Amino acid sequence: MLSFKVKNRLLGCGIDTEHIIRFAQLELKGNKPSPFIFSPKEIEYCSALADSWIAFCTAFCCKEALFKALQSPYDFTACELLWNGKKRTHISPTLSKALCKQHHITDSRAYIEITDSGECIVSIFLFGQAGG
């Protein structure tokens, strides 16, 4: 069950899902994570994990879900998600100060589920004060 306390109202939510195997296949082909999608911190963190392709998949899904929640394009590196290795968890992604200021975001939560069938599902919730 998703449960957390926030002080401000819900500004938006988004969801994204990907087949984890897509990211494993990219890694097997020797493809490097894109610096246009992943921050240097994400690349270093995710690459160091035994299940790096799952970590990259969760970070990518979070970025896509954020795009849907914002209903606006943004620099994907302005959102970082460092997966904690759990199949079901919620994490606060790190959003850049500029992104938060632009969209009046004061808090965010991402809910991650890794299914037994190899899907990664990420839902993101944005909280803040609409219009500042």
Protein backbone atom coordinates (compact mmCIF):
# COMPACT_ATOMS: atom_id res chain seq x y z
CA MET A 1 0.00 0.00 0.00
CA LEU A 2 1.28 3.45 -0.91
CA SER A 3 1.28 5.72 2.11
CA PHE A 4 3.13 8.95 2.83
CA LYS A 5 2.44 12.34 4.38
CA VAL A 6 2.82 15.60 2.51
CA LYS A 7 2.02 19.19 3.41
CA ASN A 8 0.90 20.49 0.02
CA ARG A 9 -1.62 19.50 -2.60
CA LEU A 10 -1.16 17.06 -5.45
CA LEU A 11 0.05 18.88 -8.57
CA GLY A 12 0.26 15.90 -10.88
CA CYS A 13 0.94 12.24 -11.25
CA GLY A 14 2.29 10.04 -14.01
CA ILE A 15 3.04 6.39 -14.65
CA ASP A 16 5.37 4.54 -16.95
CA THR A 17 6.27 0.92 -17.53
CA GLU A 18 9.03 -0.82 -19.47
CA HIS A 19 10.22 -4.36 -20.06
CA ILE A 20 13.44 -4.68 -18.07
CA ILE A 21 14.92 -6.99 -20.73
CA ARG A 22 15.22 -3.99 -23.09
CA PHE A 23 17.78 -2.42 -20.76
CA ALA A 24 19.62 -5.72 -20.23
CA GLN A 25 19.90 -6.15 -24.01
CA LEU A 26 21.35 -2.64 -24.39
CA GLU A 27 23.97 -3.46 -21.76
CA LEU A 28 24.83 -6.80 -23.40
CA LYS A 29 25.38 -4.98 -26.71
CA GLY A 30 27.88 -2.70 -24.97
CA ASN A 31 25.75 0.44 -25.19
CA LYS A 32 26.62 3.12 -22.65
CA PRO A 33 23.91 5.01 -20.74
CA SER A 34 23.05 8.27 -22.45
CA PRO A 35 24.28 11.44 -20.69
CA PHE A 36 21.26 13.19 -22.22
CA ILE A 37 18.95 10.94 -20.18
CA PHE A 38 20.91 9.97 -17.06
CA SER A 39 22.87 12.28 -14.77
CA PRO A 40 26.54 11.49 -14.04
CA LYS A 41 25.49 10.50 -10.50
CA GLU A 42 22.85 8.07 -11.84
CA ILE A 43 25.29 6.55 -14.33
CA GLU A 44 27.91 5.98 -11.62
CA TYR A 45 25.39 4.64 -9.08
CA CYS A 46 23.44 2.37 -11.44
CA SER A 47 26.58 1.04 -13.19
CA ALA A 48 28.01 -0.11 -9.85
CA LEU A 49 24.99 -2.31 -9.04
CA ALA A 50 24.87 -6.02 -9.88
CA ASP A 51 21.40 -5.43 -11.42
CA SER A 52 22.41 -2.24 -13.21
CA TRP A 53 19.93 -2.73 -16.05
CA ILE A 54 17.06 -2.78 -13.52
CA ALA A 55 18.38 0.40 -11.91
CA PHE A 56 18.62 2.14 -15.29
CA CYS A 57 15.13 0.93 -16.18
CA THR A 58 13.63 2.31 -12.94
CA ALA A 59 15.38 5.66 -13.45
CA PHE A 60 14.18 5.86 -17.06
CA CYS A 61 10.59 4.98 -16.11
CA CYS A 62 10.67 7.65 -13.40
CA LYS A 63 11.77 10.27 -15.95
CA GLU A 64 9.00 9.23 -18.36
CA ALA A 65 6.41 9.25 -15.57
CA LEU A 66 7.59 12.73 -14.55
CA PHE A 67 7.17 13.92 -18.14
CA LYS A 68 3.56 12.72 -18.01
CA ALA A 69 2.96 14.30 -14.59
CA LEU A 70 4.36 17.66 -15.71
CA GLN A 71 2.62 17.50 -19.09
CA SER A 72 5.65 19.41 -20.32
CA PRO A 73 9.09 18.61 -21.76
CA TYR A 74 12.03 18.95 -19.39
CA ASP A 75 15.73 18.05 -19.19
CA PHE A 76 15.71 14.37 -18.14
CA THR A 77 18.95 14.83 -16.20
CA ALA A 78 17.03 17.19 -13.86
CA CYS A 79 15.40 14.10 -12.31
CA GLU A 80 17.50 11.46 -10.56
CA LEU A 81 16.23 8.19 -9.18
CA LEU A 82 18.62 5.89 -7.33
CA TRP A 83 16.85 2.53 -7.02
CA ASN A 84 17.32 0.80 -3.67
CA GLY A 85 17.12 -2.76 -5.03
CA LYS A 86 13.68 -3.58 -3.64
CA LYS A 87 10.96 -5.07 -5.84
CA ARG A 88 8.30 -2.83 -4.24
CA THR A 89 9.27 0.46 -2.72
CA HIS A 90 8.70 4.17 -2.74
CA ILE A 91 11.52 6.64 -3.09
CA SER A 92 11.80 10.40 -3.30
CA PRO A 93 13.50 11.16 -6.60
CA THR A 94 15.87 14.10 -6.63
CA LEU A 95 14.55 16.93 -8.78
CA SER A 96 16.67 19.95 -9.67
CA LYS A 97 15.93 23.21 -7.90
CA ALA A 98 15.21 24.88 -11.24
CA LEU A 99 12.66 22.22 -12.20
CA CYS A 100 10.96 22.49 -8.81
CA LYS A 101 10.83 26.27 -9.01
CA GLN A 102 9.48 26.26 -12.55
CA HIS A 103 6.65 23.85 -11.67
CA HIS A 104 6.13 24.91 -8.02
CA ILE A 105 7.06 21.44 -6.73
CA THR A 106 7.81 21.12 -3.02
CA ASP A 107 7.85 17.33 -2.75
CA SER A 108 7.79 14.23 -4.94
CA ARG A 109 7.40 10.50 -4.43
CA ALA A 110 7.95 7.61 -6.81
CA TYR A 111 6.41 4.19 -6.29
CA ILE A 112 8.35 1.37 -7.96
CA GLU A 113 7.23 -2.17 -8.64
CA ILE A 114 9.34 -4.82 -10.34
CA THR A 115 7.00 -7.61 -11.40
CA ASP A 116 7.80 -11.31 -11.59
CA SER A 117 7.14 -11.10 -15.34
CA GLY A 118 10.01 -8.62 -15.83
CA GLU A 119 8.15 -5.33 -15.96
CA CYS A 120 9.21 -2.16 -14.21
CA ILE A 121 6.32 0.10 -13.22
CA VAL A 122 6.95 3.56 -11.80
CA SER A 123 4.30 5.99 -10.62
CA ILE A 124 5.32 9.50 -9.60
CA PHE A 125 3.38 11.99 -7.52
CA LEU A 126 4.21 15.72 -7.42
CA PHE A 127 3.15 18.00 -4.59
CA GLY A 128 3.32 21.74 -4.16
CA GLN A 129 1.51 25.02 -4.47
CA ALA A 130 -0.06 25.64 -7.88
CA GLY A 131 1.05 28.97 -9.29
CA GLY A 132 3.58 29.53 -6.51
